[in-house]
Protein backbone atom coordinates (compact mmCIF):
# COMPACT_ATOMS: atom_id res chain seq x y z
CA MET A 1 119.15 -81.11 -72.30
CA LYS A 2 115.61 -82.42 -72.62
CA ILE A 3 112.00 -81.43 -72.07
CA GLU A 4 109.89 -83.82 -70.00
CA LYS A 5 106.30 -83.79 -68.81
CA ALA A 6 106.26 -82.75 -65.15
CA ASN A 7 104.97 -85.29 -62.66
CA LEU A 8 103.02 -84.68 -59.46
CA ASN A 9 106.17 -85.01 -57.34
CA ASP A 10 107.74 -82.02 -59.14
CA ALA A 11 105.33 -79.43 -57.68
CA GLU A 12 107.54 -78.17 -54.85
CA GLN A 13 110.68 -78.02 -56.97
CA LEU A 14 108.87 -76.14 -59.76
CA THR A 15 107.46 -73.66 -57.24
CA GLU A 16 110.91 -73.02 -55.76
CA LEU A 17 112.34 -72.44 -59.24
CA ALA A 18 109.56 -69.96 -60.07
CA ILE A 19 110.26 -68.02 -56.87
CA ARG A 20 114.05 -67.97 -57.47
CA SER A 21 113.52 -66.85 -61.04
CA LYS A 22 111.14 -64.04 -60.05
CA ASP A 23 113.42 -63.00 -57.18
CA TYR A 24 116.33 -62.61 -59.61
CA TRP A 25 114.79 -59.34 -60.84
CA ASN A 26 115.23 -57.67 -57.42
CA TYR A 27 111.59 -57.09 -56.64
CA GLY A 28 112.45 -57.60 -52.98
CA PRO A 29 111.44 -60.29 -50.53
CA ILE A 30 108.17 -58.64 -49.52
CA GLN A 31 106.92 -58.38 -53.11
CA VAL A 32 108.02 -61.91 -54.00
CA GLU A 33 106.29 -63.23 -50.88
CA GLU A 34 103.09 -61.45 -51.94
CA TRP A 35 103.33 -63.33 -55.27
CA ARG A 36 104.00 -66.72 -53.63
CA GLU A 37 100.47 -68.03 -54.18
CA ASP A 38 100.53 -66.99 -57.86
CA LEU A 39 103.96 -68.61 -58.29
CA THR A 40 102.94 -71.88 -56.65
CA ILE A 41 102.63 -74.94 -58.85
CA SER A 42 100.38 -77.44 -57.12
CA SER A 43 100.13 -81.10 -57.96
CA LYS A 44 96.55 -80.31 -59.04
CA HIS A 45 97.91 -77.77 -61.56
CA ILE A 46 100.28 -80.41 -62.92
CA GLU A 47 97.44 -82.90 -63.11
CA GLU A 48 95.00 -80.56 -64.88
CA LYS A 49 97.29 -78.45 -67.13
CA HIS A 50 100.13 -79.11 -69.51
CA VAL A 51 103.31 -78.65 -67.45
CA TYR A 52 106.75 -79.43 -68.89
CA LYS A 53 110.18 -79.15 -67.36
CA LEU A 54 113.57 -78.50 -68.91
CA VAL A 55 116.20 -80.83 -67.48
CA ASN A 56 119.97 -80.84 -68.01
CA ASN A 57 122.05 -83.67 -66.52
CA ASN A 58 119.08 -84.66 -64.33
CA LYS A 59 118.85 -81.11 -62.93
CA LEU A 60 115.74 -78.97 -63.33
CA ILE A 61 116.67 -75.73 -65.11
CA GLY A 62 113.30 -74.42 -66.28
CA PHE A 63 109.65 -75.14 -66.88
CA TYR A 64 106.55 -73.91 -68.62
CA ALA A 65 102.83 -74.57 -68.35
CA TYR A 66 99.95 -73.92 -70.67
CA GLN A 67 96.30 -74.65 -71.15
CA LEU A 68 94.20 -74.93 -74.26
CA GLU A 69 91.75 -72.04 -74.47
CA ASN A 70 89.98 -73.35 -77.56
CA LEU A 71 90.87 -75.13 -80.81
CA LYS A 72 93.01 -72.19 -81.99
CA ALA A 73 94.41 -70.64 -78.81
CA VAL A 74 96.81 -71.68 -76.08
CA LYS A 75 97.38 -69.71 -72.88
CA LEU A 76 100.90 -69.78 -71.40
CA SER A 77 100.52 -69.65 -67.62
CA PHE A 78 104.12 -70.18 -66.48
CA PHE A 79 107.53 -69.84 -68.10
CA PHE A 80 110.55 -69.78 -65.79
CA ILE A 81 114.27 -70.47 -66.19
CA GLU A 82 116.86 -70.98 -63.47
CA PRO A 83 118.53 -67.59 -62.93
């Protein structure tokens, strides 16, 4: 298992993982669909933020993203694991 910096080509796969992970909690398809935009990881997000993926045997199993708020604070914007 290893943590790697996400690349621009990972955007769709990261988004799908976020949706699967959120859907695991049985919110229902309508609610998850309403969250789709918030759960979407764009290539721009990967380019501008710190996005890292957890990979096991070349398979994506999780990811997280954060941004620096200031010299002492970090804001975690995504944290999802394969259900």
